[in-house]
Amino acid sequence: MNTYDNIVVEIDENVARIALHRPKALNALSLDLKREIREALAELEADERIRCLVLTGSGTAFASGGDLKKLLAELSERDGPRRFRERIQACFDVLYEFPVPTVARVNGPAIGGGLELSVACDLRVASREARFGMPAVRFGMVMACADLVRLAAVVGPGQARRLVLTGEVISAEEAYRIGLLNRLVAHDQLLPTAIELGKLIAGNNARIVQGIKRLLNENVGASWKDMIEAESRGKAADLHDEGVDASFKGFFERKGRE
């Protein structure tokens, strides 16, 4: 693996971990940091060992949002807002489309771009010190459509509207209540829980897991009717694996012996 200035990448067996590493800036999402995330994801995607990815932050924050000083400089350039949005959106989209399942280990504030980064992951585990919010509206900005769709897919349209229209910051307990989090644990249990969840996923058939993720991603916001039609077109059937028959046979043989 390459070495980076703004992130730390580690691999433990078949679970990779990317830690945002700008602790003094509360892991604010500079363009350099986002570029390094994209480069690391490209490296990890080429590594056939990787079955799951855990994304986290160094220090006391997950990601505190955009780097405001650099953000203002970028936005003041000619055609700056459009180019800035394209560059930051590329990071979130690459993470969302990463072929293996991803787990956000949220160890502190996940604000603005930090929230967007977390909902680009498949699952979210947080400690009680975590906070979540999308204050873009307070700065006269709009959350990107793709990220809004992903947020609504996780918490539902009503709660997504609440977060985006009010700009309020909510506690980890409230985030868990509205379905933003899959697990809420004590801070000292955060890393073990994220790793355990990653290894639980990694222990399943890799082709099936990746196929399920792809099918879900392609149908975000779809109705049940759309999902049934997708299945009838063979997308779900394409997930069939030679090992599936053997797995079913083994399951029923074990049940028969009980």
Protein backbone atom coordinates (compact mmCIF):
# COMPACT_ATOMS: atom_id res chain seq x y z
CA MET A 1 0.00 0.00 0.00
CA ASN A 2 1.07 3.58 -0.64
CA THR A 3 1.61 5.90 2.31
CA TYR A 4 -0.56 9.01 2.62
CA ASP A 5 -0.42 12.35 4.40
CA ASN A 6 -4.08 12.61 5.45
CA ILE A 7 -5.21 9.01 5.99
CA VAL A 8 -3.84 5.82 7.52
CA VAL A 9 -4.57 2.50 5.80
CA GLU A 10 -4.26 -0.85 7.58
CA ILE A 11 -5.21 -4.41 6.62
CA ASP A 12 -6.05 -7.08 9.22
CA GLU A 13 -6.50 -10.42 7.45
CA ASN A 14 -9.34 -9.67 5.00
CA VAL A 15 -10.67 -6.49 6.66
CA ALA A 16 -9.19 -3.16 5.57
CA ARG A 17 -9.32 0.01 7.67
CA ILE A 18 -9.01 3.62 6.49
CA ALA A 19 -8.62 6.23 9.24
CA LEU A 20 -8.98 9.91 8.36
CA HIS A 21 -5.89 11.45 9.90
CA ARG A 22 -6.18 15.20 10.37
CA PRO A 23 -6.87 15.14 14.13
CA LYS A 24 -5.89 18.77 14.74
CA ALA A 25 -8.48 19.83 12.16
CA LEU A 26 -11.03 17.32 13.51
CA ASN A 27 -10.58 15.42 10.25
CA ALA A 28 -12.08 18.22 8.16
CA LEU A 29 -12.54 16.99 4.60
CA SER A 30 -9.97 18.84 2.51
CA LEU A 31 -9.72 18.09 -1.19
CA ASP A 32 -6.34 16.40 -0.59
CA LEU A 33 -7.92 14.08 1.99
CA LYS A 34 -10.77 13.18 -0.37
CA ARG A 35 -8.30 12.53 -3.18
CA GLU A 36 -6.30 10.21 -0.93
CA ILE A 37 -9.47 8.31 0.03
CA ARG A 38 -10.22 7.74 -3.67
CA GLU A 39 -6.65 6.58 -4.32
CA ALA A 40 -6.69 4.21 -1.32
CA LEU A 41 -10.05 2.75 -2.38
CA ALA A 42 -8.65 2.08 -5.85
CA GLU A 43 -5.69 0.24 -4.29
CA LEU A 44 -7.91 -1.78 -1.96
CA GLU A 45 -10.35 -2.68 -4.73
CA ALA A 46 -7.49 -4.33 -6.59
CA ASP A 47 -6.60 -6.42 -3.51
CA GLU A 48 -8.52 -9.69 -3.75
CA ARG A 49 -8.00 -10.37 -0.03
CA ILE A 50 -10.30 -7.54 1.04
CA ARG A 51 -13.79 -8.65 2.04
CA CYS A 52 -14.84 -5.64 4.15
CA LEU A 53 -13.73 -2.04 4.73
CA VAL A 54 -13.97 -0.08 8.01
CA LEU A 55 -13.81 3.72 7.73
CA THR A 56 -13.08 5.81 10.83
CA GLY A 57 -11.45 8.99 12.11
CA SER A 58 -8.30 9.60 14.15
CA GLY A 59 -8.52 11.50 17.42
CA THR A 60 -11.85 12.72 18.77
CA ALA A 61 -13.79 13.22 15.52
CA PHE A 62 -15.03 11.12 12.64
CA ALA A 63 -15.17 14.03 10.19
CA SER A 64 -16.19 17.55 11.15
CA GLY A 65 -17.28 18.60 7.66
CA GLY A 66 -15.55 20.56 4.93
CA ASP A 67 -12.31 22.45 5.52
CA LEU A 68 -13.86 25.93 5.66
CA LYS A 69 -10.68 27.92 4.93
CA LYS A 70 -9.94 25.88 1.83
CA LEU A 71 -13.63 25.70 0.97
CA LEU A 72 -13.90 29.51 0.75
CA ALA A 73 -10.79 29.68 -1.42
CA GLU A 74 -12.15 27.01 -3.76
CA LEU A 75 -15.59 28.61 -4.04
CA SER A 76 -14.11 32.02 -4.92
CA GLU A 77 -12.41 30.63 -8.04
CA ARG A 78 -13.96 30.84 -11.49
CA ASP A 79 -16.62 28.11 -11.77
CA GLY A 80 -15.52 27.12 -8.26
CA PRO A 81 -18.82 25.85 -6.78
CA ARG A 82 -19.43 23.39 -9.61
CA ARG A 83 -15.87 22.07 -9.68
CA PHE A 84 -15.74 21.80 -5.87
CA ARG A 85 -19.00 19.83 -5.78
CA GLU A 86 -17.77 17.48 -8.53
CA ARG A 87 -14.53 16.76 -6.69
CA ILE A 88 -16.04 16.13 -3.27
CA GLN A 89 -18.93 14.15 -4.76
CA ALA A 90 -16.46 11.85 -6.51
CA CYS A 91 -15.13 10.76 -3.10
CA PHE A 92 -18.57 9.90 -1.70
CA ASP A 93 -19.65 8.13 -4.89
CA VAL A 94 -16.50 5.98 -5.07
CA LEU A 95 -16.98 4.95 -1.44
CA TYR A 96 -20.66 4.15 -2.04
CA GLU A 97 -19.81 2.07 -5.10
CA PHE A 98 -16.87 0.27 -3.47
CA PRO A 99 -17.58 -3.38 -4.32
CA VAL A 100 -17.19 -4.89 -0.84
CA PRO A 101 -19.32 -3.87 2.17
CA THR A 102 -18.23 -0.84 4.16
CA VAL A 103 -18.68 -0.01 7.84
CA ALA A 104 -18.41 3.54 9.22
CA ARG A 105 -16.91 3.52 12.73
CA VAL A 106 -18.12 6.89 13.98
CA ASN A 107 -15.99 7.86 16.98
CA GLY A 108 -17.04 11.53 17.26
CA PRO A 109 -18.75 14.34 15.32
CA ALA A 110 -19.90 13.46 11.80
CA ILE A 111 -21.06 16.83 10.52
CA GLY A 112 -21.82 17.98 6.98
CA GLY A 113 -19.49 16.03 4.74
CA GLY A 114 -18.85 13.70 7.67
CA LEU A 115 -22.52 12.72 7.68
CA GLU A 116 -22.42 12.30 3.89
CA LEU A 117 -19.34 10.10 4.25
CA SER A 118 -21.06 7.90 6.84
CA VAL A 119 -24.21 7.36 4.75
CA ALA A 120 -22.04 6.45 1.77
CA CYS A 121 -21.06 3.39 3.85
CA ASP A 122 -23.30 0.32 4.08
CA LEU A 123 -23.42 0.18 7.89
CA ARG A 124 -22.73 2.62 10.72
CA VAL A 125 -21.45 1.86 14.24
CA ALA A 126 -21.04 4.74 16.68
CA SER A 127 -20.09 5.54 20.25
CA ARG A 128 -22.18 7.76 22.49
CA GLU A 129 -19.72 10.60 21.88
CA ALA A 130 -20.78 10.79 18.23
CA ARG A 131 -22.89 13.65 16.83
CA PHE A 132 -24.57 13.95 13.44
CA GLY A 133 -25.81 16.93 11.44
CA MET A 134 -26.18 18.52 8.01
CA PRO A 135 -25.83 22.31 8.56
CA ALA A 136 -25.45 23.18 4.85
CA VAL A 137 -28.75 25.10 4.85
CA ARG A 138 -27.38 27.47 7.50
CA PHE A 139 -24.58 28.48 5.11
CA GLY A 140 -26.89 28.93 2.13
CA MET A 141 -25.75 25.64 0.59
CA VAL A 142 -27.60 22.55 -0.61
CA MET A 143 -26.79 18.92 0.14
CA ALA A 144 -25.96 17.04 -3.07
CA CYS A 145 -28.88 15.12 -4.54
CA ALA A 146 -27.07 11.76 -4.47
CA ASP A 147 -26.23 12.18 -0.78
CA LEU A 148 -29.79 13.27 0.01
CA VAL A 149 -31.14 10.13 -1.68
CA ARG A 150 -28.70 7.98 0.29
CA LEU A 151 -29.65 9.68 3.56
CA ALA A 152 -33.36 9.21 2.85
CA ALA A 153 -32.75 5.55 2.02
CA VAL A 154 -31.23 5.07 5.48
CA VAL A 155 -33.50 7.14 7.76
CA GLY A 156 -36.59 7.62 5.59
CA PRO A 157 -37.80 10.75 3.78
CA GLY A 158 -39.31 12.40 6.86
CA GLN A 159 -36.18 12.26 9.01
CA ALA A 160 -33.99 13.20 6.03
CA ARG A 161 -36.11 16.33 5.51
CA ARG A 162 -35.81 17.15 9.19
CA LEU A 163 -32.02 16.94 9.20
CA VAL A 164 -31.53 18.81 5.94
CA LEU A 165 -34.14 21.57 6.44
CA THR A 166 -33.33 22.37 10.09
CA GLY A 167 -29.56 21.91 10.01
CA GLU A 168 -29.76 20.62 13.58
CA VAL A 169 -27.09 18.41 15.16
CA ILE A 170 -28.43 15.28 16.85
CA SER A 171 -26.97 12.96 19.47
CA ALA A 172 -25.83 9.40 18.87
CA GLU A 173 -28.86 8.17 20.80
CA GLU A 174 -31.21 10.09 18.51
CA ALA A 175 -29.31 8.90 15.45
CA TYR A 176 -29.80 5.32 16.61
CA ARG A 177 -33.50 5.94 17.30
CA ILE A 178 -34.17 7.20 13.76
CA GLY A 179 -32.25 4.34 12.15
CA LEU A 180 -29.11 6.20 11.08
CA LEU A 181 -27.00 3.81 13.18
CA ASN A 182 -26.92 0.02 13.11
CA ARG A 183 -25.09 -0.26 16.43
CA LEU A 184 -24.59 2.15 19.35
CA VAL A 185 -21.92 1.09 21.84
CA ALA A 186 -19.66 2.40 24.61
CA HIS A 187 -16.60 4.21 23.24
CA ASP A 188 -14.14 1.51 24.36
CA GLN A 189 -16.22 -1.10 22.48
CA LEU A 190 -16.39 0.86 19.24
CA LEU A 191 -13.37 -0.53 17.41
CA PRO A 192 -13.92 -4.16 18.50
CA THR A 193 -17.58 -3.92 17.43
CA ALA A 194 -16.72 -2.47 14.02
CA ILE A 195 -14.02 -5.10 13.44
CA GLU A 196 -16.33 -7.88 14.62
CA LEU A 197 -19.06 -6.69 12.25
CA GLY A 198 -16.54 -6.47 9.42
CA LYS A 199 -15.28 -10.00 10.03
CA LEU A 200 -18.85 -11.30 10.28
CA ILE A 201 -19.50 -9.92 6.79
CA ALA A 202 -16.12 -11.11 5.54
CA GLY A 203 -16.94 -14.66 6.61
CA ASN A 204 -19.78 -14.90 4.09
CA ASN A 205 -19.51 -15.84 0.43
CA ALA A 206 -17.71 -12.86 -1.16
CA ARG A 207 -19.44 -13.08 -4.53
CA ILE A 208 -22.90 -13.28 -2.98
CA VAL A 209 -22.21 -10.39 -0.58
CA GLN A 210 -20.89 -8.15 -3.35
CA GLY A 211 -23.84 -9.06 -5.56
CA ILE A 212 -26.34 -8.22 -2.80
CA LYS A 213 -24.65 -4.87 -2.23
CA ARG A 214 -24.72 -4.09 -5.94
CA LEU A 215 -28.39 -5.03 -6.19
CA LEU A 216 -29.29 -2.83 -3.21
CA ASN A 217 -27.25 0.13 -4.50
CA GLU A 218 -28.80 -0.05 -7.94
CA ASN A 219 -32.30 0.05 -6.46
CA VAL A 220 -31.98 2.73 -3.76
CA GLY A 221 -35.36 4.41 -3.47
CA ALA A 222 -37.02 1.77 -5.64
CA SER A 223 -40.44 0.40 -4.81
CA TRP A 224 -41.00 -3.26 -3.99
CA LYS A 225 -42.52 -3.58 -7.47
CA ASP A 226 -39.28 -2.29 -9.00
CA MET A 227 -37.30 -4.77 -6.92
CA ILE A 228 -39.51 -7.66 -8.04
CA GLU A 229 -39.09 -6.60 -11.66
CA ALA A 230 -35.30 -6.45 -11.17
CA GLU A 231 -35.43 -9.99 -9.80
CA SER A 232 -37.51 -11.17 -12.75
CA ARG A 233 -34.90 -9.72 -15.12
CA GLY A 234 -32.41 -12.09 -13.55
CA LYS A 235 -30.29 -9.66 -11.54
CA ALA A 236 -30.92 -11.48 -8.29
CA ALA A 237 -30.73 -14.87 -9.95
CA ASP A 238 -27.28 -13.93 -11.26
CA LEU A 239 -26.07 -14.03 -7.66
CA HIS A 240 -26.39 -17.80 -7.63
CA ASP A 241 -23.13 -19.49 -6.76
CA GLU A 242 -22.00 -23.09 -7.07
CA GLY A 243 -21.50 -23.17 -3.33
CA VAL A 244 -25.11 -22.25 -2.61
CA ASP A 245 -26.50 -25.72 -3.37
CA ALA A 246 -23.91 -27.31 -1.13
CA SER A 247 -24.69 -24.81 1.64
CA PHE A 248 -28.42 -25.55 1.52
CA LYS A 249 -27.76 -29.28 1.44
CA GLY A 250 -25.46 -29.04 4.44
CA PHE A 251 -27.99 -26.92 6.34
CA PHE A 252 -30.84 -29.38 5.88
CA GLU A 253 -28.60 -32.36 6.67
CA ARG A 254 -27.65 -30.70 9.98
CA LYS A 255 -31.29 -29.94 10.75
CA GLY A 256 -32.17 -33.56 10.04
CA ARG A 257 -29.63 -34.78 12.61
CA GLU A 258 -30.95 -32.46 15.34
